[in-house]
């Protein structure tokens, strides 16, 4: 089985070099690397030279948006499976082989990997506490049943309204995987129409493209594996607390837009209402206990939530996307 690894980048040639170095050392025998670059000027030239140096296919994409870049990458790729990671991620040597082994089951249409922080810093630790991408050490199998609404599912997740961040304990489609380490069969993306170009960094709805494609795959009747042994290290760019607040705003923006998009689904409607209640509770809780950073974090979430719902109403869905 041939795998195409698609790396999207924009003005990050200093990170891209390390990412391509790690990819060149993977132990999987049959893969290609496709670099989709939205840089301009000197950064474009640097990224193009790095792609040539590491024998990667280079595609320049003038238009902005993570989903659009990923769709551009898959159009240029030749694999049976498309694996996605970012220019600031450092995959372990066995990352791809750990992912690929899960595709022996034809009903598996996606496999995500574990994302851990590259280094421990105060702001990065805050990020991991409230918005971290590490979904834990336990391998999980997600099936269509995980996105079917039921009273048991509802009751089982009521307590999570009070959590700072659900991480590995969260329900699908939120804790299935992250865009920094995900993969899908070519037939899955072709059948569903690819990623939603409204979602993701640089697009009108700002984030959530990974959650959306995972949700659509599960709704289509197929499974996704979270393979915890497939690890990439994520470089947080020496984040500041302000970066964390901004990230939480963006995540909440896209997440709210996504839930509002699918609000006719009872599961998503309950999640939309539950998320709004959670934000109000957490803001009050942390203000009363004097935890200013956490209060600010959830205040940014609430602002993003409101803005995301408003933006979704102004940006209609592409009718070619399924289901």
C-alpha atoms as a PDB file:
ATOM      1  CA  UNK A   1       0.000   0.000   0.000  1.00  0.00           C
ATOM      2  CA  UNK A   2       1.428   3.336  -1.081  1.00  0.00           C
ATOM      3  CA  UNK A   3       1.003   6.296   1.265  1.00  0.00           C
ATOM      4  CA  UNK A   4       1.227   9.966   0.337  1.00  0.00           C
ATOM      5  CA  UNK A   5       2.305  12.215   3.212  1.00  0.00           C
ATOM      6  CA  UNK A   6       0.949  15.719   2.683  1.00  0.00           C
ATOM      7  CA  UNK A   7       2.680  18.541   4.560  1.00  0.00           C
ATOM      8  CA  UNK A   8       1.142  21.993   4.387  1.00  0.00           C
ATOM      9  CA  UNK A   9       3.338  24.991   5.115  1.00  0.00           C
ATOM     10  CA  UNK A  10       3.303  28.778   5.021  1.00  0.00           C
ATOM     11  CA  UNK A  11       6.313  30.933   5.917  1.00  0.00           C
ATOM     12  CA  UNK A  12       7.765  28.226   8.163  1.00  0.00           C
ATOM     13  CA  UNK A  13      10.802  27.031   6.248  1.00  0.00           C
ATOM     14  CA  UNK A  14      12.814  26.979   9.505  1.00  0.00           C
ATOM     15  CA  UNK A  15      10.411  24.339  10.862  1.00  0.00           C
ATOM     16  CA  UNK A  16       9.858  22.578   7.539  1.00  0.00           C
ATOM     17  CA  UNK A  17      13.505  21.529   7.315  1.00  0.00           C
ATOM     18  CA  UNK A  18      13.261  19.527  10.546  1.00  0.00           C
ATOM     19  CA  UNK A  19       9.925  18.010   9.564  1.00  0.00           C
ATOM     20  CA  UNK A  20      11.245  16.808   6.189  1.00  0.00           C
ATOM     21  CA  UNK A  21      14.364  15.453   7.866  1.00  0.00           C
ATOM     22  CA  UNK A  22      12.197  13.310  10.161  1.00  0.00           C
ATOM     23  CA  UNK A  23      10.011  12.147   7.281  1.00  0.00           C
ATOM     24  CA  UNK A  24      13.085  11.091   5.319  1.00  0.00           C
ATOM     25  CA  UNK A  25      13.951   8.680   8.147  1.00  0.00           C
ATOM     26  CA  UNK A  26      10.594   6.872   8.331  1.00  0.00           C
ATOM     27  CA  UNK A  27      10.823   3.098   8.279  1.00  0.00           C
ATOM     28  CA  UNK A  28       7.762   2.544   6.064  1.00  0.00           C
ATOM     29  CA  UNK A  29       8.894   1.216   2.656  1.00  0.00           C
ATOM     30  CA  UNK A  30       6.448   2.797   0.213  1.00  0.00           C
ATOM     31  CA  UNK A  31       5.612   6.474   0.547  1.00  0.00           C
ATOM     32  CA  UNK A  32       5.975   9.880  -1.065  1.00  0.00           C
ATOM     33  CA  UNK A  33       6.003  13.349   0.467  1.00  0.00           C
ATOM     34  CA  UNK A  34       3.975  16.212  -1.003  1.00  0.00           C
ATOM     35  CA  UNK A  35       4.716  19.729   0.254  1.00  0.00           C
ATOM     36  CA  UNK A  36       1.903  22.221  -0.293  1.00  0.00           C
ATOM     37  CA  UNK A  37       3.312  25.702   0.205  1.00  0.00           C
ATOM     38  CA  UNK A  38       1.374  28.961   0.550  1.00  0.00           C
ATOM     39  CA  UNK A  39       4.449  31.089   1.191  1.00  0.00           C
ATOM     40  CA  UNK A  40       5.617  34.058  -0.854  1.00  0.00           C
ATOM     41  CA  UNK A  41       8.959  35.663  -1.640  1.00  0.00           C
ATOM     42  CA  UNK A  42      12.077  34.284   0.036  1.00  0.00           C
ATOM     43  CA  UNK A  43      10.077  31.817   2.116  1.00  0.00           C
ATOM     44  CA  UNK A  44       8.624  30.273  -1.031  1.00  0.00           C
ATOM     45  CA  UNK A  45      12.079  29.829  -2.497  1.00  0.00           C
ATOM     46  CA  UNK A  46      13.397  28.281   0.720  1.00  0.00           C
ATOM     47  CA  UNK A  47      10.498  25.831   0.963  1.00  0.00           C
ATOM     48  CA  UNK A  48      10.849  24.828  -2.684  1.00  0.00           C
ATOM     49  CA  UNK A  49      14.573  24.153  -2.214  1.00  0.00           C
ATOM     50  CA  UNK A  50      13.910  22.086   0.896  1.00  0.00           C
ATOM     51  CA  UNK A  51      11.357  19.982  -0.965  1.00  0.00           C
ATOM     52  CA  UNK A  52      13.888  19.380  -3.728  1.00  0.00           C
ATOM     53  CA  UNK A  53      16.625  18.552  -1.215  1.00  0.00           C
ATOM     54  CA  UNK A  54      14.460  15.863   0.419  1.00  0.00           C
ATOM     55  CA  UNK A  55      13.028  14.557  -2.878  1.00  0.00           C
ATOM     56  CA  UNK A  56       9.510  15.692  -2.063  1.00  0.00           C
ATOM     57  CA  UNK A  57       6.892  16.773  -4.573  1.00  0.00           C
ATOM     58  CA  UNK A  58       6.390  20.542  -4.313  1.00  0.00           C
ATOM     59  CA  UNK A  59       3.093  22.325  -5.005  1.00  0.00           C
ATOM     60  CA  UNK A  60       2.649  26.066  -4.619  1.00  0.00           C
ATOM     61  CA  UNK A  61      -0.867  27.134  -3.575  1.00  0.00           C
ATOM     62  CA  UNK A  62      -1.547  30.868  -3.756  1.00  0.00           C
ATOM     63  CA  UNK A  63      -4.913  30.637  -2.030  1.00  0.00           C
ATOM     64  CA  UNK A  64      -5.008  30.503   1.764  1.00  0.00           C
ATOM     65  CA  UNK A  65      -6.725  27.964   4.011  1.00  0.00           C
ATOM     66  CA  UNK A  66      -5.639  24.664   5.545  1.00  0.00           C
ATOM     67  CA  UNK A  67      -8.494  22.648   4.065  1.00  0.00           C
ATOM     68  CA  UNK A  68      -7.887  24.095   0.628  1.00  0.00           C
ATOM     69  CA  UNK A  69      -4.164  23.280   0.915  1.00  0.00           C
ATOM     70  CA  UNK A  70      -4.936  19.713   1.973  1.00  0.00           C
ATOM     71  CA  UNK A  71      -7.327  19.309  -0.941  1.00  0.00           C
ATOM     72  CA  UNK A  72      -4.633  20.658  -3.264  1.00  0.00           C
ATOM     73  CA  UNK A  73      -2.179  18.147  -1.823  1.00  0.00           C
ATOM     74  CA  UNK A  74      -4.449  15.166  -2.309  1.00  0.00           C
ATOM     75  CA  UNK A  75      -5.034  16.191  -5.933  1.00  0.00           C
ATOM     76  CA  UNK A  76      -1.265  16.008  -6.493  1.00  0.00           C
ATOM     77  CA  UNK A  77      -0.745  12.779  -4.549  1.00  0.00           C
ATOM     78  CA  UNK A  78      -0.570   9.233  -5.905  1.00  0.00           C
ATOM     79  CA  UNK A  79      -1.091   7.125  -2.784  1.00  0.00           C
ATOM     80  CA  UNK A  80      -3.865   4.758  -1.723  1.00  0.00           C
ATOM     81  CA  UNK A  81      -3.821   6.459   1.684  1.00  0.00           C
ATOM     82  CA  UNK A  82      -3.169  10.137   2.409  1.00  0.00           C
ATOM     83  CA  UNK A  83      -1.409  10.970   5.685  1.00  0.00           C
ATOM     84  CA  UNK A  84      -1.355  14.564   6.912  1.00  0.00           C
ATOM     85  CA  UNK A  85       1.022  16.353   9.241  1.00  0.00           C
ATOM     86  CA  UNK A  86       2.184  19.933   9.679  1.00  0.00           C
ATOM     87  CA  UNK A  87       5.442  21.740   9.044  1.00  0.00           C
ATOM     88  CA  UNK A  88       6.059  22.130  12.786  1.00  0.00           C
ATOM     89  CA  UNK A  89       5.618  18.430  13.587  1.00  0.00           C
ATOM     90  CA  UNK A  90       8.351  15.850  14.030  1.00  0.00           C
ATOM     91  CA  UNK A  91       7.102  12.300  13.371  1.00  0.00           C
ATOM     92  CA  UNK A  92       8.767   9.362  15.083  1.00  0.00           C
ATOM     93  CA  UNK A  93      10.540   6.900  12.815  1.00  0.00           C
ATOM     94  CA  UNK A  94       7.719   4.337  13.027  1.00  0.00           C
ATOM     95  CA  UNK A  95       4.865   6.869  12.797  1.00  0.00           C
ATOM     96  CA  UNK A  96       3.759   5.888   9.296  1.00  0.00           C
ATOM     97  CA  UNK A  97       4.189   2.140   9.701  1.00  0.00           C
ATOM     98  CA  UNK A  98       2.090   2.259  12.889  1.00  0.00           C
ATOM     99  CA  UNK A  99      -0.647   4.106  11.007  1.00  0.00           C
ATOM    100  CA  UNK A 100      -0.519   1.938   7.879  1.00  0.00           C
ATOM    101  CA  UNK A 101      -1.006  -1.337   9.741  1.00  0.00           C
ATOM    102  CA  UNK A 102      -4.554  -0.276  10.640  1.00  0.00           C
ATOM    103  CA  UNK A 103      -5.689  -0.255   7.029  1.00  0.00           C
ATOM    104  CA  UNK A 104      -5.779  -4.050   6.782  1.00  0.00           C
ATOM    105  CA  UNK A 105      -9.492  -3.732   7.629  1.00  0.00           C
ATOM    106  CA  UNK A 106     -11.321  -2.341   4.564  1.00  0.00           C
ATOM    107  CA  UNK A 107     -13.979  -0.705   6.761  1.00  0.00           C
ATOM    108  CA  UNK A 108     -11.336   1.515   8.358  1.00  0.00           C
ATOM    109  CA  UNK A 109     -11.396   4.771   6.421  1.00  0.00           C
ATOM    110  CA  UNK A 110      -9.202   6.805   8.749  1.00  0.00           C
ATOM    111  CA  UNK A 111      -6.424   6.522  11.292  1.00  0.00           C
ATOM    112  CA  UNK A 112      -5.101   9.279  13.535  1.00  0.00           C
ATOM    113  CA  UNK A 113      -1.951   9.311  15.635  1.00  0.00           C
ATOM    114  CA  UNK A 114      -0.840  10.723  18.958  1.00  0.00           C
ATOM    115  CA  UNK A 115       0.402  14.345  19.127  1.00  0.00           C
ATOM    116  CA  UNK A 116       2.674  15.230  22.046  1.00  0.00           C
ATOM    117  CA  UNK A 117       4.422  18.527  22.863  1.00  0.00           C
ATOM    118  CA  UNK A 118       8.010  18.835  21.647  1.00  0.00           C
ATOM    119  CA  UNK A 119       9.152  20.538  24.840  1.00  0.00           C
ATOM    120  CA  UNK A 120       7.734  21.634  28.187  1.00  0.00           C
ATOM    121  CA  UNK A 121       7.314  25.389  28.658  1.00  0.00           C
ATOM    122  CA  UNK A 122       4.920  27.417  30.798  1.00  0.00           C
ATOM    123  CA  UNK A 123       2.657  28.515  27.938  1.00  0.00           C
ATOM    124  CA  UNK A 124       2.888  25.158  26.190  1.00  0.00           C
ATOM    125  CA  UNK A 125       1.900  23.487  29.448  1.00  0.00           C
ATOM    126  CA  UNK A 126      -1.094  25.829  29.712  1.00  0.00           C
ATOM    127  CA  UNK A 127      -2.005  24.926  26.142  1.00  0.00           C
ATOM    128  CA  UNK A 128      -1.852  21.210  26.968  1.00  0.00           C
ATOM    129  CA  UNK A 129      -3.954  21.779  30.078  1.00  0.00           C
ATOM    130  CA  UNK A 130      -6.814  23.558  28.327  1.00  0.00           C
ATOM    131  CA  UNK A 131      -6.540  22.694  24.623  1.00  0.00           C
ATOM    132  CA  UNK A 132      -3.925  19.994  24.310  1.00  0.00           C
ATOM    133  CA  UNK A 133      -3.738  17.672  21.349  1.00  0.00           C
ATOM    134  CA  UNK A 134      -2.409  14.658  23.256  1.00  0.00           C
ATOM    135  CA  UNK A 135      -5.254  12.135  23.327  1.00  0.00           C
ATOM    136  CA  UNK A 136      -3.399   9.695  25.519  1.00  0.00           C
ATOM    137  CA  UNK A 137      -1.747   6.301  25.421  1.00  0.00           C
ATOM    138  CA  UNK A 138      -4.854   4.168  24.858  1.00  0.00           C
ATOM    139  CA  UNK A 139      -5.686   2.976  21.360  1.00  0.00           C
ATOM    140  CA  UNK A 140      -9.343   3.595  20.505  1.00  0.00           C
ATOM    141  CA  UNK A 141     -11.631   2.349  17.739  1.00  0.00           C
ATOM    142  CA  UNK A 142     -14.411   4.713  16.661  1.00  0.00           C
ATOM    143  CA  UNK A 143     -17.409   3.335  14.776  1.00  0.00           C
ATOM    144  CA  UNK A 144     -20.623   4.868  13.401  1.00  0.00           C
ATOM    145  CA  UNK A 145     -22.314   4.033  16.719  1.00  0.00           C
ATOM    146  CA  UNK A 146     -20.146   6.687  18.374  1.00  0.00           C
ATOM    147  CA  UNK A 147     -21.967   9.486  16.556  1.00  0.00           C
ATOM    148  CA  UNK A 148     -25.471   8.144  17.097  1.00  0.00           C
ATOM    149  CA  UNK A 149     -27.476  10.081  19.653  1.00  0.00           C
ATOM    150  CA  UNK A 150     -28.834   8.229  22.672  1.00  0.00           C
ATOM    151  CA  UNK A 151     -29.822   8.885  26.267  1.00  0.00           C
ATOM    152  CA  UNK A 152     -26.945   6.725  27.513  1.00  0.00           C
ATOM    153  CA  UNK A 153     -24.448   8.760  25.513  1.00  0.00           C
ATOM    154  CA  UNK A 154     -25.990  11.983  26.802  1.00  0.00           C
ATOM    155  CA  UNK A 155     -25.904  10.924  30.462  1.00  0.00           C
ATOM    156  CA  UNK A 156     -22.394   9.530  30.115  1.00  0.00           C
ATOM    157  CA  UNK A 157     -21.080  12.918  29.027  1.00  0.00           C
ATOM    158  CA  UNK A 158     -22.996  15.275  31.310  1.00  0.00           C
ATOM    159  CA  UNK A 159     -20.136  15.387  33.812  1.00  0.00           C
ATOM    160  CA  UNK A 160     -17.711  16.457  31.122  1.00  0.00           C
ATOM    161  CA  UNK A 161     -19.447  19.833  30.988  1.00  0.00           C
ATOM    162  CA  UNK A 162     -17.354  20.643  34.059  1.00  0.00           C
ATOM    163  CA  UNK A 163     -14.005  19.558  32.584  1.00  0.00           C
ATOM    164  CA  UNK A 164     -11.354  22.006  31.357  1.00  0.00           C
ATOM    165  CA  UNK A 165     -10.536  19.826  28.388  1.00  0.00           C
ATOM    166  CA  UNK A 166     -11.935  16.392  27.556  1.00  0.00           C
ATOM    167  CA  UNK A 167      -8.858  15.037  25.768  1.00  0.00           C
ATOM    168  CA  UNK A 168      -9.000  11.226  25.564  1.00  0.00           C
ATOM    169  CA  UNK A 169     -12.247  11.074  27.542  1.00  0.00           C
ATOM    170  CA  UNK A 170     -14.239  13.056  25.029  1.00  0.00           C
ATOM    171  CA  UNK A 171     -16.925  11.754  22.686  1.00  0.00           C
ATOM    172  CA  UNK A 172     -16.652  11.488  18.923  1.00  0.00           C
ATOM    173  CA  UNK A 173     -16.064  13.380  16.742  1.00  0.00           C
ATOM    174  CA  UNK A 174     -14.096  15.744  19.022  1.00  0.00           C
ATOM    175  CA  UNK A 175     -11.452  13.409  20.400  1.00  0.00           C
ATOM    176  CA  UNK A 176     -10.841  11.146  17.418  1.00  0.00           C
ATOM    177  CA  UNK A 177      -7.632  12.836  16.291  1.00  0.00           C
ATOM    178  CA  UNK A 178      -5.969  16.073  15.224  1.00  0.00           C
ATOM    179  CA  UNK A 179      -4.882  17.481  11.893  1.00  0.00           C
ATOM    180  CA  UNK A 180      -1.228  17.279  12.919  1.00  0.00           C
ATOM    181  CA  UNK A 181      -1.364  13.474  12.678  1.00  0.00           C
ATOM    182  CA  UNK A 182      -4.227  12.033  10.650  1.00  0.00           C
ATOM    183  CA  UNK A 183      -4.702   9.825   7.610  1.00  0.00           C
ATOM    184  CA  UNK A 184      -7.519   8.682   5.354  1.00  0.00           C
ATOM    185  CA  UNK A 185      -8.079   6.312   2.498  1.00  0.00           C
ATOM    186  CA  UNK A 186      -8.133   8.030  -0.878  1.00  0.00           C
ATOM    187  CA  UNK A 187     -11.564   6.544  -1.544  1.00  0.00           C
ATOM    188  CA  UNK A 188     -12.860   8.141   1.674  1.00  0.00           C
ATOM    189  CA  UNK A 189     -11.868  11.660   0.676  1.00  0.00           C
ATOM    190  CA  UNK A 190     -12.979  11.145  -2.919  1.00  0.00           C
ATOM    191  CA  UNK A 191     -16.379   9.820  -1.828  1.00  0.00           C
ATOM    192  CA  UNK A 192     -17.020  12.587   0.702  1.00  0.00           C
ATOM    193  CA  UNK A 193     -15.760  15.416  -1.496  1.00  0.00           C
ATOM    194  CA  UNK A 194     -12.603  16.131   0.490  1.00  0.00           C
ATOM    195  CA  UNK A 195     -12.133  18.680   3.250  1.00  0.00           C
ATOM    196  CA  UNK A 196     -14.551  21.544   3.775  1.00  0.00           C
ATOM    197  CA  UNK A 197     -12.732  24.623   2.429  1.00  0.00           C
ATOM    198  CA  UNK A 198     -14.575  26.895   4.865  1.00  0.00           C
ATOM    199  CA  UNK A 199     -12.823  25.237   7.808  1.00  0.00           C
ATOM    200  CA  UNK A 200      -9.249  25.399   9.095  1.00  0.00           C
ATOM    201  CA  UNK A 201      -6.684  28.135   9.643  1.00  0.00           C
ATOM    202  CA  UNK A 202      -6.826  30.851   7.006  1.00  0.00           C
ATOM    203  CA  UNK A 203     -10.424  29.995   6.047  1.00  0.00           C
ATOM    204  CA  UNK A 204     -13.656  31.803   7.026  1.00  0.00           C
ATOM    205  CA  UNK A 205     -14.531  29.357   9.833  1.00  0.00           C
ATOM    206  CA  UNK A 206     -10.945  29.251  11.159  1.00  0.00           C
ATOM    207  CA  UNK A 207     -10.622  25.665  12.523  1.00  0.00           C
ATOM    208  CA  UNK A 208     -12.358  22.298  12.844  1.00  0.00           C
ATOM    209  CA  UNK A 209     -11.568  20.717   9.469  1.00  0.00           C
ATOM    210  CA  UNK A 210     -10.180  17.594  11.174  1.00  0.00           C
ATOM    211  CA  UNK A 211     -13.268  17.201  13.377  1.00  0.00           C
ATOM    212  CA  UNK A 212     -15.542  17.678  10.379  1.00  0.00           C
ATOM    213  CA  UNK A 213     -13.926  15.014   8.188  1.00  0.00           C
ATOM    214  CA  UNK A 214     -13.858  12.551  11.087  1.00  0.00           C
ATOM    215  CA  UNK A 215     -17.545  13.174  11.727  1.00  0.00           C
ATOM    216  CA  UNK A 216     -18.471  12.697   8.088  1.00  0.00           C
ATOM    217  CA  UNK A 217     -16.526   9.449   7.847  1.00  0.00           C
ATOM    218  CA  UNK A 218     -18.232   8.019  10.918  1.00  0.00           C
ATOM    219  CA  UNK A 219     -21.633   9.176   9.632  1.00  0.00           C
ATOM    220  CA  UNK A 220     -20.910   7.450   6.322  1.00  0.00           C
ATOM    221  CA  UNK A 221     -20.782   4.069   8.086  1.00  0.00           C
ATOM    222  CA  UNK A 222     -17.020   3.574   8.400  1.00  0.00           C
ATOM    223  CA  UNK A 223     -14.524   3.394  11.243  1.00  0.00           C
ATOM    224  CA  UNK A 224     -11.552   5.462  12.390  1.00  0.00           C
ATOM    225  CA  UNK A 225      -8.689   4.243  14.588  1.00  0.00           C
ATOM    226  CA  UNK A 226      -6.826   6.376  17.090  1.00  0.00           C
ATOM    227  CA  UNK A 227      -3.414   4.686  17.041  1.00  0.00           C
ATOM    228  CA  UNK A 228      -1.631   5.956  20.142  1.00  0.00           C
ATOM    229  CA  UNK A 229       1.673   4.322  19.188  1.00  0.00           C
ATOM    230  CA  UNK A 230       1.937   6.510  16.042  1.00  0.00           C
ATOM    231  CA  UNK A 231       3.548   9.596  17.555  1.00  0.00           C
ATOM    232  CA  UNK A 232       4.499  13.046  16.302  1.00  0.00           C
ATOM    233  CA  UNK A 233       6.039  15.774  18.444  1.00  0.00           C
ATOM    234  CA  UNK A 234       4.444  19.187  17.980  1.00  0.00           C
ATOM    235  CA  UNK A 235       6.634  22.262  18.263  1.00  0.00           C
ATOM    236  CA  UNK A 236       4.510  24.982  19.883  1.00  0.00           C
ATOM    237  CA  UNK A 237       6.702  27.826  18.507  1.00  0.00           C
ATOM    238  CA  UNK A 238       7.590  29.031  22.028  1.00  0.00           C
ATOM    239  CA  UNK A 239       4.003  30.013  22.741  1.00  0.00           C
ATOM    240  CA  UNK A 240       3.001  32.846  25.029  1.00  0.00           C
ATOM    241  CA  UNK A 241      -0.137  32.931  27.156  1.00  0.00           C
ATOM    242  CA  UNK A 242      -1.652  35.304  24.587  1.00  0.00           C
ATOM    243  CA  UNK A 243      -1.031  32.671  21.902  1.00  0.00           C
ATOM    244  CA  UNK A 244      -2.959  30.151  23.995  1.00  0.00           C
ATOM    245  CA  UNK A 245      -5.903  32.521  24.371  1.00  0.00           C
ATOM    246  CA  UNK A 246      -5.906  33.192  20.630  1.00  0.00           C
ATOM    247  CA  UNK A 247      -5.785  29.470  19.868  1.00  0.00           C
ATOM    248  CA  UNK A 248      -8.698  28.758  22.169  1.00  0.00           C
ATOM    249  CA  UNK A 249     -10.694  31.481  20.412  1.00  0.00           C
ATOM    250  CA  UNK A 250      -9.959  29.925  17.018  1.00  0.00           C
ATOM    251  CA  UNK A 251     -10.758  26.384  18.177  1.00  0.00           C
ATOM    252  CA  UNK A 252     -14.039  27.518  19.731  1.00  0.00           C
ATOM    253  CA  UNK A 253     -14.921  29.538  16.621  1.00  0.00           C
ATOM    254  CA  UNK A 254     -14.582  26.548  14.295  1.00  0.00           C
ATOM    255  CA  UNK A 255     -16.121  24.104  16.752  1.00  0.00           C
ATOM    256  CA  UNK A 256     -19.231  26.235  17.255  1.00  0.00           C
ATOM    257  CA  UNK A 257     -19.567  26.779  13.497  1.00  0.00           C
ATOM    258  CA  UNK A 258     -19.357  23.021  12.995  1.00  0.00           C
ATOM    259  CA  UNK A 259     -21.970  22.204  15.646  1.00  0.00           C
ATOM    260  CA  UNK A 260     -24.288  24.866  14.277  1.00  0.00           C
ATOM    261  CA  UNK A 261     -23.804  23.478  10.767  1.00  0.00           C
ATOM    262  CA  UNK A 262     -25.025  20.055  11.911  1.00  0.00           C
ATOM    263  CA  UNK A 263     -27.552  21.293  14.487  1.00  0.00           C
ATOM    264  CA  UNK A 264     -30.368  19.248  12.935  1.00  0.00           C
ATOM    265  CA  UNK A 265     -28.490  16.166  14.144  1.00  0.00           C
ATOM    266  CA  UNK A 266     -29.683  15.598  17.761  1.00  0.00           C
ATOM    267  CA  UNK A 267     -26.124  14.738  18.826  1.00  0.00           C
ATOM    268  CA  UNK A 268     -24.696  17.996  17.537  1.00  0.00           C
ATOM    269  CA  UNK A 269     -27.631  20.038  18.833  1.00  0.00           C
ATOM    270  CA  UNK A 270     -27.074  18.687  22.357  1.00  0.00           C
ATOM    271  CA  UNK A 271     -23.337  19.313  22.064  1.00  0.00           C
ATOM    272  CA  UNK A 272     -23.965  22.888  20.897  1.00  0.00           C
ATOM    273  CA  UNK A 273     -26.206  23.592  23.884  1.00  0.00           C
ATOM    274  CA  UNK A 274     -23.913  21.760  26.281  1.00  0.00           C
ATOM    275  CA  UNK A 275     -20.873  23.673  25.119  1.00  0.00           C
ATOM    276  CA  UNK A 276     -22.588  27.017  25.676  1.00  0.00           C
ATOM    277  CA  UNK A 277     -23.637  25.994  29.200  1.00  0.00           C
ATOM    278  CA  UNK A 278     -20.138  24.710  29.933  1.00  0.00           C
ATOM    279  CA  UNK A 279     -18.527  27.994  28.950  1.00  0.00           C
ATOM    280  CA  UNK A 280     -20.821  30.006  31.208  1.00  0.00           C
ATOM    281  CA  UNK A 281     -20.157  27.652  34.131  1.00  0.00           C
ATOM    282  CA  UNK A 282     -16.375  27.594  33.702  1.00  0.00           C
ATOM    283  CA  UNK A 283     -16.055  31.377  33.364  1.00  0.00           C
ATOM    284  CA  UNK A 284     -18.030  31.884  36.581  1.00  0.00           C
ATOM    285  CA  UNK A 285     -16.108  29.129  38.380  1.00  0.00           C
ATOM    286  CA  UNK A 286     -12.661  30.471  37.576  1.00  0.00           C
ATOM    287  CA  UNK A 287     -13.583  34.085  38.242  1.00  0.00           C
ATOM    288  CA  UNK A 288     -14.907  33.114  41.685  1.00  0.00           C
ATOM    289  CA  UNK A 289     -11.788  31.081  42.509  1.00  0.00           C
ATOM    290  CA  UNK A 290      -9.400  33.787  41.271  1.00  0.00           C
ATOM    291  CA  UNK A 291      -7.868  31.688  38.480  1.00  0.00           C
ATOM    292  CA  UNK A 292      -7.426  34.537  36.037  1.00  0.00           C
ATOM    293  CA  UNK A 293      -5.683  32.656  33.218  1.00  0.00           C
ATOM    294  CA  UNK A 294      -8.356  29.977  33.085  1.00  0.00           C
ATOM    295  CA  UNK A 295     -11.144  32.560  33.338  1.00  0.00           C
ATOM    296  CA  UNK A 296      -9.589  34.442  30.419  1.00  0.00           C
ATOM    297  CA  UNK A 297      -9.245  31.199  28.463  1.00  0.00           C
ATOM    298  CA  UNK A 298     -12.923  30.356  28.711  1.00  0.00           C
ATOM    299  CA  UNK A 299     -13.927  33.959  28.051  1.00  0.00           C
ATOM    300  CA  UNK A 300     -12.042  33.727  24.745  1.00  0.00           C
ATOM    301  CA  UNK A 301     -13.853  30.444  24.122  1.00  0.00           C
ATOM    302  CA  UNK A 302     -17.207  32.107  24.620  1.00  0.00           C
ATOM    303  CA  UNK A 303     -16.287  34.954  22.269  1.00  0.00           C
ATOM    304  CA  UNK A 304     -15.162  32.434  19.652  1.00  0.00           C
ATOM    305  CA  UNK A 305     -18.351  30.412  20.152  1.00  0.00           C
ATOM    306  CA  UNK A 306     -20.576  33.401  19.438  1.00  0.00           C
ATOM    307  CA  UNK A 307     -18.503  34.574  16.473  1.00  0.00           C
ATOM    308  CA  UNK A 308     -18.353  31.064  15.004  1.00  0.00           C
ATOM    309  CA  UNK A 309     -22.114  30.602  15.006  1.00  0.00           C
ATOM    310  CA  UNK A 310     -22.554  34.004  13.346  1.00  0.00           C
ATOM    311  CA  UNK A 311     -19.896  33.207  10.700  1.00  0.00           C
ATOM    312  CA  UNK A 312     -21.442  29.838   9.846  1.00  0.00           C
ATOM    313  CA  UNK A 313     -24.718  31.559   9.004  1.00  0.00           C
ATOM    314  CA  UNK A 314     -22.895  33.750   6.477  1.00  0.00           C
ATOM    315  CA  UNK A 315     -20.873  30.967   4.819  1.00  0.00           C
ATOM    316  CA  UNK A 316     -23.075  28.300   3.200  1.00  0.00           C
ATOM    317  CA  UNK A 317     -21.904  24.728   2.803  1.00  0.00           C
ATOM    318  CA  UNK A 318     -20.559  23.424  -0.520  1.00  0.00           C
ATOM    319  CA  UNK A 319     -23.285  21.095  -1.896  1.00  0.00           C
ATOM    320  CA  UNK A 320     -20.610  18.721  -3.234  1.00  0.00           C
ATOM    321  CA  UNK A 321     -19.600  17.724   0.302  1.00  0.00           C
ATOM    322  CA  UNK A 322     -21.097  14.502   1.658  1.00  0.00           C
ATOM    323  CA  UNK A 323     -22.873  13.377   3.724  1.00  0.00           C
END
